[in-house]
Amino acid sequence: MATPAPMGPALLTVREVAAAMRVSSMTVYRLINGGDLRAIRVGKHFRIRQNDLDAYLDARVVGGEG
């Protein structure tokens, strides 16, 4: 029996990213077009790697330690 090929990082739609961040889709498009959030263009659409979303959010954590 053949084993399935390992999948790479999850690809999210703009709508899924917007829902996860609780912002509008337009905000996600602005982040992509401004170069703040990395994305992959698939035809007319964008896909965002889960790793890229996590990196974007991690870079914007505020607050002190302790």
C-alpha atoms as a PDB file:
ATOM      1  CA  MET A   1       0.000   0.000   0.000  1.00  0.00           C
ATOM      2  CA  ALA A   2       1.385   3.413  -0.955  1.00  0.00           C
ATOM      3  CA  THR A   3       1.928   6.002   1.743  1.00  0.00           C
ATOM      4  CA  PRO A   4       0.684   9.531   1.089  1.00  0.00           C
ATOM      5  CA  ALA A   5       3.288  12.146   0.267  1.00  0.00           C
ATOM      6  CA  PRO A   6       4.096  14.461   3.190  1.00  0.00           C
ATOM      7  CA  MET A   7       2.334  17.782   2.941  1.00  0.00           C
ATOM      8  CA  GLY A   8       4.118  21.089   3.298  1.00  0.00           C
ATOM      9  CA  PRO A   9       2.949  23.923   5.497  1.00  0.00           C
ATOM     10  CA  ALA A  10      -0.765  24.669   5.457  1.00  0.00           C
ATOM     11  CA  LEU A  11      -1.905  27.251   2.909  1.00  0.00           C
ATOM     12  CA  LEU A  12      -4.583  29.669   4.083  1.00  0.00           C
ATOM     13  CA  THR A  13      -6.877  31.898   2.061  1.00  0.00           C
ATOM     14  CA  VAL A  14      -7.095  35.632   2.632  1.00  0.00           C
ATOM     15  CA  ARG A  15     -10.499  35.101   4.213  1.00  0.00           C
ATOM     16  CA  GLU A  16      -9.127  32.488   6.628  1.00  0.00           C
ATOM     17  CA  VAL A  17      -6.253  34.774   7.641  1.00  0.00           C
ATOM     18  CA  ALA A  18      -8.662  37.674   8.121  1.00  0.00           C
ATOM     19  CA  ALA A  19     -10.892  35.520  10.337  1.00  0.00           C
ATOM     20  CA  ALA A  20      -7.928  34.298  12.392  1.00  0.00           C
ATOM     21  CA  MET A  21      -6.692  37.857  12.934  1.00  0.00           C
ATOM     22  CA  ARG A  22     -10.210  39.276  13.336  1.00  0.00           C
ATOM     23  CA  VAL A  23      -9.642  41.928  10.668  1.00  0.00           C
ATOM     24  CA  SER A  24     -11.180  42.541   7.260  1.00  0.00           C
ATOM     25  CA  SER A  25      -9.993  40.856   4.077  1.00  0.00           C
ATOM     26  CA  MET A  26      -8.986  44.310   2.812  1.00  0.00           C
ATOM     27  CA  THR A  27      -6.580  44.655   5.738  1.00  0.00           C
ATOM     28  CA  VAL A  28      -4.950  41.346   4.794  1.00  0.00           C
ATOM     29  CA  TYR A  29      -4.635  42.498   1.155  1.00  0.00           C
ATOM     30  CA  ARG A  30      -3.001  45.722   2.369  1.00  0.00           C
ATOM     31  CA  LEU A  31      -0.505  43.760   4.466  1.00  0.00           C
ATOM     32  CA  ILE A  32       0.345  41.565   1.480  1.00  0.00           C
ATOM     33  CA  ASN A  33       0.639  44.441  -0.997  1.00  0.00           C
ATOM     34  CA  GLY A  34       2.697  46.463   1.487  1.00  0.00           C
ATOM     35  CA  GLY A  35       5.173  43.608   1.873  1.00  0.00           C
ATOM     36  CA  ASP A  36       4.418  43.063   5.555  1.00  0.00           C
ATOM     37  CA  LEU A  37       2.820  39.631   5.125  1.00  0.00           C
ATOM     38  CA  ARG A  38       4.333  37.106   2.737  1.00  0.00           C
ATOM     39  CA  ALA A  39       1.928  35.398   0.334  1.00  0.00           C
ATOM     40  CA  ILE A  40       1.892  33.146  -2.699  1.00  0.00           C
ATOM     41  CA  ARG A  41      -0.079  34.161  -5.761  1.00  0.00           C
ATOM     42  CA  VAL A  42      -2.101  31.315  -7.254  1.00  0.00           C
ATOM     43  CA  GLY A  43      -3.737  32.665 -10.384  1.00  0.00           C
ATOM     44  CA  LYS A  44      -5.734  35.687  -9.251  1.00  0.00           C
ATOM     45  CA  HIS A  45      -5.748  34.600  -5.614  1.00  0.00           C
ATOM     46  CA  PHE A  46      -3.335  34.705  -2.701  1.00  0.00           C
ATOM     47  CA  ARG A  47      -2.438  31.904  -0.333  1.00  0.00           C
ATOM     48  CA  ILE A  48      -0.580  32.488   2.916  1.00  0.00           C
ATOM     49  CA  ARG A  49       1.562  29.811   4.550  1.00  0.00           C
ATOM     50  CA  GLN A  50       0.662  29.166   8.175  1.00  0.00           C
ATOM     51  CA  ASN A  51       4.356  29.644   8.993  1.00  0.00           C
ATOM     52  CA  ASP A  52       4.344  33.111   7.386  1.00  0.00           C
ATOM     53  CA  LEU A  53       1.243  34.152   9.331  1.00  0.00           C
ATOM     54  CA  ASP A  54       2.816  32.900  12.572  1.00  0.00           C
ATOM     55  CA  ALA A  55       6.046  34.806  11.815  1.00  0.00           C
ATOM     56  CA  TYR A  56       4.091  37.995  11.080  1.00  0.00           C
ATOM     57  CA  LEU A  57       2.173  37.729  14.351  1.00  0.00           C
ATOM     58  CA  ASP A  58       5.239  36.764  16.417  1.00  0.00           C
ATOM     59  CA  ALA A  59       7.101  39.825  15.138  1.00  0.00           C
ATOM     60  CA  ARG A  60       4.324  42.081  16.428  1.00  0.00           C
ATOM     61  CA  VAL A  61       3.982  40.820  19.987  1.00  0.00           C
ATOM     62  CA  VAL A  62       4.093  43.660  22.493  1.00  0.00           C
ATOM     63  CA  GLY A  63       4.400  43.659  26.246  1.00  0.00           C
ATOM     64  CA  GLY A  64       6.997  43.223  28.892  1.00  0.00           C
ATOM     65  CA  GLU A  65       8.427  40.039  30.211  1.00  0.00           C
ATOM     66  CA  GLY A  66       7.748  38.991  33.709  1.00  0.00           C
END
